[in-house]
């Protein structure tokens, strides 16, 4: 009965298509705005390079970048000359590192939220490890795990843990006292309180941390490839930089930007599905 609308004495069904139509129109307007701004940016870029006679090894034209990107994507994906071949390896390491780091981070935050003593003992070490320069500890990971994908996964997971722990812990500790007191009055167990009250309430914070973490995982994988790896986008960028192929480097940067946006959209899709009531959470920024 709640879905019925009474209008002038007549009971009618609501038009469920209207929200979908509005979302479709909003998405279309956003897409048009992005395309228009992108076209203007490309025009200004092309005009600036031509008008000021900027050398291509300093700033390539959008056309040359597009040609380099197209050439790299059209190569057989199983060939080491293909951009997709190296992108898959980078994404593979980033996704595995993200899953490992986020799972460990959420579990660690839950444990610290349930025990103040454990929180006081562990949290200073987490903060201290986060303050260590990653440039200094990355060679250790390469020594321990080698130049294969394992070192990239380890570095990615390490960068994910802190933002996920920080945001998840904030979420677990922000539950209203009244709700906890209600569970206590109902004689609920500690696990029931966590499962039914604390975890759902912390989901917006958890997803806020995951949005930051997925970017950190992607950056960690690329950073590890710069430090030393057998394949990956970072390896190709380093190789192209040595021969001053700036157009190829820009093409790879565009590919990385699109891939990073795709990863964030996947996390946000899960957020809309599992924490739809919260809207967009506020992430604790990681410097």
Protein backbone atom coordinates (compact mmCIF):
# COMPACT_ATOMS: atom_id res chain seq x y z
CA UNK A 1 0.00 0.00 0.00
CA UNK A 2 2.93 2.34 0.58
CA UNK A 3 3.68 2.27 -3.15
CA UNK A 4 0.18 3.55 -4.06
CA UNK A 5 -0.54 7.19 -4.80
CA UNK A 6 -3.94 8.72 -4.14
CA UNK A 7 -4.69 11.50 -6.60
CA UNK A 8 -8.13 13.13 -6.85
CA UNK A 9 -9.80 10.10 -5.34
CA UNK A 10 -8.11 7.68 -7.71
CA UNK A 11 -5.48 5.15 -6.65
CA UNK A 12 -2.65 4.94 -9.16
CA UNK A 13 0.69 3.24 -9.24
CA UNK A 14 3.81 5.43 -9.12
CA UNK A 15 5.92 5.74 -12.23
CA UNK A 16 9.04 3.84 -11.25
CA UNK A 17 10.75 4.83 -14.46
CA UNK A 18 11.13 8.48 -13.48
CA UNK A 19 14.12 8.02 -11.12
CA UNK A 20 15.86 5.95 -13.77
CA UNK A 21 15.15 8.58 -16.41
CA UNK A 22 16.48 11.33 -14.16
CA UNK A 23 19.63 9.33 -13.46
CA UNK A 24 20.05 8.68 -17.17
CA UNK A 25 19.69 12.38 -17.98
CA UNK A 26 22.14 13.32 -15.22
CA UNK A 27 24.65 10.77 -16.51
CA UNK A 28 24.22 12.05 -20.06
CA UNK A 29 24.82 15.64 -18.97
CA UNK A 30 27.91 14.59 -17.06
CA UNK A 31 29.25 12.66 -20.05
CA UNK A 32 28.64 15.62 -22.37
CA UNK A 33 30.39 17.99 -19.93
CA UNK A 34 33.39 15.67 -19.69
CA UNK A 35 33.62 15.31 -23.48
CA UNK A 36 33.35 19.07 -24.04
CA UNK A 37 35.99 19.88 -21.42
CA UNK A 38 38.25 17.17 -22.84
CA UNK A 39 37.88 18.56 -26.36
CA UNK A 40 38.73 22.06 -25.12
CA UNK A 41 41.77 20.75 -23.26
CA UNK A 42 43.02 18.89 -26.33
CA UNK A 43 42.52 21.99 -28.51
CA UNK A 44 44.43 24.24 -26.08
CA UNK A 45 47.17 21.62 -25.75
CA UNK A 46 47.57 21.20 -29.52
CA UNK A 47 47.50 24.94 -30.15
CA UNK A 48 50.04 25.68 -27.43
CA UNK A 49 52.54 23.11 -28.69
CA UNK A 50 52.20 24.38 -32.26
CA UNK A 51 52.17 28.10 -31.49
CA UNK A 52 55.18 28.05 -29.15
CA UNK A 53 57.10 25.45 -31.17
CA UNK A 54 57.64 23.24 -28.13
CA UNK A 55 59.92 20.28 -28.92
CA UNK A 56 58.08 16.95 -29.00
CA UNK A 57 60.53 15.42 -26.52
CA UNK A 58 59.46 18.09 -24.02
CA UNK A 59 55.71 18.12 -24.65
CA UNK A 60 54.21 15.94 -27.41
CA UNK A 61 51.02 16.86 -29.23
CA UNK A 62 47.75 15.12 -28.34
CA UNK A 63 47.76 13.52 -31.77
CA UNK A 64 51.18 11.92 -31.22
CA UNK A 65 50.10 10.73 -27.76
CA UNK A 66 46.96 9.17 -29.22
CA UNK A 67 49.01 7.45 -31.94
CA UNK A 68 51.42 6.06 -29.34
CA UNK A 69 48.52 4.84 -27.19
CA UNK A 70 46.76 3.23 -30.14
CA UNK A 71 49.96 1.55 -31.31
CA UNK A 72 50.63 0.15 -27.83
CA UNK A 73 47.09 -1.16 -27.42
CA UNK A 74 46.84 -2.74 -30.87
CA UNK A 75 49.84 -5.04 -30.35
CA UNK A 76 49.08 -8.67 -29.51
CA UNK A 77 48.26 -8.68 -25.76
CA UNK A 78 50.52 -11.71 -25.24
CA UNK A 79 53.53 -9.77 -26.56
CA UNK A 80 55.84 -7.89 -24.23
CA UNK A 81 55.54 -4.92 -26.61
CA UNK A 82 51.86 -4.56 -25.76
CA UNK A 83 50.67 -2.02 -23.21
CA UNK A 84 47.91 -4.41 -22.16
CA UNK A 85 50.44 -7.13 -21.35
CA UNK A 86 52.16 -4.90 -18.81
CA UNK A 87 48.93 -3.29 -17.58
CA UNK A 88 47.49 -6.69 -16.66
CA UNK A 89 50.56 -7.46 -14.56
CA UNK A 90 50.36 -4.09 -12.80
CA UNK A 91 46.64 -4.51 -12.10
CA UNK A 92 47.19 -8.10 -10.97
CA UNK A 93 49.67 -6.98 -8.31
CA UNK A 94 47.55 -3.98 -7.29
CA UNK A 95 44.35 -5.99 -6.88
CA UNK A 96 46.02 -8.78 -4.90
CA UNK A 97 47.81 -6.24 -2.72
CA UNK A 98 44.55 -4.34 -2.20
CA UNK A 99 42.63 -7.47 -1.17
CA UNK A 100 45.36 -8.61 1.22
CA UNK A 101 46.00 -5.18 2.72
CA UNK A 102 42.33 -4.23 3.10
CA UNK A 103 41.39 -7.57 4.65
CA UNK A 104 44.23 -7.36 7.15
CA UNK A 105 43.47 -3.70 7.84
CA UNK A 106 39.78 -4.28 8.59
CA UNK A 107 40.55 -7.25 10.85
CA UNK A 108 43.21 -5.29 12.69
CA UNK A 109 40.90 -2.32 13.15
CA UNK A 110 38.14 -4.60 14.48
CA UNK A 111 40.51 -6.15 17.00
CA UNK A 112 41.74 -2.76 18.17
CA UNK A 113 38.17 -1.48 18.45
CA UNK A 114 37.25 -4.41 20.70
CA UNK A 115 40.28 -4.02 22.96
CA UNK A 116 41.65 -0.69 24.11
CA UNK A 117 44.76 -2.42 25.41
CA UNK A 118 45.55 -3.94 22.02
CA UNK A 119 44.86 -0.59 20.38
CA UNK A 120 47.35 1.18 22.67
CA UNK A 121 49.96 -1.52 22.04
CA UNK A 122 49.65 -1.85 18.25
CA UNK A 123 48.55 1.55 16.93
CA UNK A 124 51.87 3.36 17.65
CA UNK A 125 53.73 0.73 15.61
CA UNK A 126 51.30 1.14 12.72
CA UNK A 127 51.75 4.91 12.72
CA UNK A 128 55.52 4.56 13.05
CA UNK A 129 55.69 2.15 10.11
CA UNK A 130 53.54 4.51 8.04
CA UNK A 131 55.99 7.35 8.73
CA UNK A 132 58.88 5.37 7.26
CA UNK A 133 59.80 6.53 3.73
CA UNK A 134 58.66 3.92 1.25
CA UNK A 135 61.73 4.58 -0.88
CA UNK A 136 63.82 3.23 1.99
CA UNK A 137 61.82 0.08 2.68
CA UNK A 138 61.03 -0.86 -0.94
CA UNK A 139 64.53 -2.31 -1.55
CA UNK A 140 64.00 -4.59 1.45
CA UNK A 141 60.84 -5.99 -0.12
CA UNK A 142 62.73 -6.62 -3.34
CA UNK A 143 65.47 -8.44 -1.40
CA UNK A 144 62.91 -10.53 0.48
CA UNK A 145 60.51 -11.28 -2.38
CA UNK A 146 62.66 -10.84 -5.48
CA UNK A 147 61.88 -9.01 -8.72
CA UNK A 148 58.74 -11.00 -9.50
CA UNK A 149 55.16 -10.02 -8.76
CA UNK A 150 55.41 -10.97 -5.07
CA UNK A 151 57.39 -7.84 -4.18
CA UNK A 152 54.84 -5.62 -5.94
CA UNK A 153 51.99 -7.28 -4.05
CA UNK A 154 53.83 -6.84 -0.75
CA UNK A 155 54.46 -3.12 -1.33
CA UNK A 156 50.87 -2.55 -2.49
CA UNK A 157 49.44 -4.34 0.55
CA UNK A 158 51.69 -2.32 2.86
CA UNK A 159 50.42 0.97 1.44
CA UNK A 160 46.80 -0.13 1.74
CA UNK A 161 46.85 -1.16 5.39
CA UNK A 162 47.18 2.25 7.07
CA UNK A 163 44.29 4.14 5.40
CA UNK A 164 41.99 1.13 5.82
CA UNK A 165 42.95 0.67 9.49
CA UNK A 166 42.57 4.38 10.25
CA UNK A 167 39.15 4.78 8.63
CA UNK A 168 37.80 1.41 9.80
CA UNK A 169 38.86 2.05 13.39
CA UNK A 170 37.16 5.44 13.30
CA UNK A 171 34.01 3.75 12.06
CA UNK A 172 34.01 1.03 14.71
CA UNK A 173 34.50 3.59 17.47
CA UNK A 174 31.83 6.01 16.20
CA UNK A 175 28.83 3.80 16.96
CA UNK A 176 26.16 5.58 19.03
CA UNK A 177 26.24 4.61 22.69
CA UNK A 178 22.45 4.23 22.74
CA UNK A 179 22.60 1.42 20.19
CA UNK A 180 25.26 -0.40 22.17
CA UNK A 181 23.26 -0.01 25.36
CA UNK A 182 20.22 -1.42 23.59
CA UNK A 183 22.16 -4.54 22.57
CA UNK A 184 23.40 -4.90 26.13
CA UNK A 185 19.83 -4.68 27.48
CA UNK A 186 18.84 -7.42 25.02
CA UNK A 187 21.64 -9.60 26.41
CA UNK A 188 23.35 -9.77 23.01
CA UNK A 189 26.73 -11.41 22.76
CA UNK A 190 29.85 -9.49 21.79
CA UNK A 191 29.84 -11.09 18.34
CA UNK A 192 26.15 -10.24 17.81
CA UNK A 193 26.80 -6.62 18.77
CA UNK A 194 29.71 -6.41 16.36
CA UNK A 195 27.88 -8.14 13.51
CA UNK A 196 24.55 -6.36 13.84
CA UNK A 197 25.57 -2.90 15.09
CA UNK A 198 29.25 -2.04 14.85
CA UNK A 199 30.12 -3.47 11.44
CA UNK A 200 27.10 -2.03 9.55
CA UNK A 201 27.65 1.36 11.22
CA UNK A 202 31.33 1.32 10.24
CA UNK A 203 30.72 0.38 6.58
CA UNK A 204 30.73 4.01 5.28
CA UNK A 205 34.08 4.59 6.99
CA UNK A 206 35.43 1.25 5.76
CA UNK A 207 34.53 2.05 2.16
CA UNK A 208 36.03 5.52 2.55
CA UNK A 209 39.28 3.82 3.53
CA UNK A 210 38.96 1.33 0.68
CA UNK A 211 38.58 4.18 -1.82
CA UNK A 212 41.89 5.59 -0.63
CA UNK A 213 43.44 2.12 -0.35
CA UNK A 214 42.72 1.04 -3.92
CA UNK A 215 44.59 4.09 -5.21
CA UNK A 216 47.48 3.39 -2.83
CA UNK A 217 47.62 -0.21 -4.02
CA UNK A 218 47.80 0.89 -7.65
CA UNK A 219 50.51 3.45 -6.89
CA UNK A 220 52.41 0.89 -4.82
CA UNK A 221 52.48 -1.57 -7.69
CA UNK A 222 53.81 1.06 -10.10
CA UNK A 223 56.33 2.31 -7.53
CA UNK A 224 57.66 -1.22 -7.07
CA UNK A 225 58.07 -1.53 -10.84
CA UNK A 226 60.19 1.62 -10.88
CA UNK A 227 62.36 0.18 -8.11
CA UNK A 228 62.92 -3.08 -9.94
CA UNK A 229 60.64 -5.50 -11.75
CA UNK A 230 60.54 -7.75 -14.78
CA UNK A 231 57.35 -6.36 -16.32
CA UNK A 232 54.64 -3.81 -15.69
CA UNK A 233 53.65 -0.29 -16.73
CA UNK A 234 56.31 1.24 -14.49
CA UNK A 235 58.99 -0.78 -16.27
CA UNK A 236 57.78 0.40 -19.68
CA UNK A 237 57.66 4.05 -18.56
CA UNK A 238 61.25 3.80 -17.33
CA UNK A 239 62.33 2.24 -20.63
CA UNK A 240 60.57 4.88 -22.75
CA UNK A 241 62.01 7.68 -20.63
CA UNK A 242 65.56 6.52 -21.34
CA UNK A 243 64.99 6.93 -25.10
CA UNK A 244 63.06 10.24 -24.68
CA UNK A 245 59.83 8.78 -26.04
CA UNK A 246 57.69 11.39 -24.31
CA UNK A 247 54.61 10.58 -26.38
CA UNK A 248 54.76 6.98 -25.22
CA UNK A 249 55.16 8.06 -21.60
CA UNK A 250 52.13 10.36 -21.85
CA UNK A 251 50.14 7.55 -23.45
CA UNK A 252 50.95 5.26 -20.53
CA UNK A 253 50.06 7.98 -18.03
CA UNK A 254 46.64 8.32 -19.67
CA UNK A 255 46.23 4.55 -19.51
CA UNK A 256 47.14 4.56 -15.82
CA UNK A 257 44.70 7.39 -15.10
CA UNK A 258 41.86 5.53 -16.80
CA UNK A 259 42.74 2.29 -15.00
CA UNK A 260 42.86 4.02 -11.60
CA UNK A 261 39.47 5.61 -12.22
CA UNK A 262 38.08 2.19 -13.19
CA UNK A 263 39.34 0.66 -9.93
CA UNK A 264 37.78 3.41 -7.84
CA UNK A 265 34.46 3.02 -9.66
CA UNK A 266 34.46 -0.70 -8.82
CA UNK A 267 34.92 0.08 -5.11
CA UNK A 268 32.23 2.75 -5.27
CA UNK A 269 29.85 0.29 -6.94
CA UNK A 270 30.33 -2.09 -4.01
CA UNK A 271 29.76 0.84 -1.65
CA UNK A 272 26.47 1.70 -3.36
CA UNK A 273 25.41 -1.92 -3.04
CA UNK A 274 26.45 -2.71 0.54
CA UNK A 275 26.32 0.75 2.16
CA UNK A 276 23.60 2.38 0.07
CA UNK A 277 22.07 4.16 3.09
CA UNK A 278 25.18 6.15 3.88
CA UNK A 279 25.78 8.17 0.74
CA UNK A 280 29.45 8.93 0.19
CA UNK A 281 31.65 8.47 3.22
CA UNK A 282 34.34 10.89 4.30
CA UNK A 283 37.80 9.44 4.07
CA UNK A 284 40.59 10.33 6.44
CA UNK A 285 43.22 11.67 4.08
CA UNK A 286 46.65 10.07 4.07
CA UNK A 287 49.54 12.41 3.44
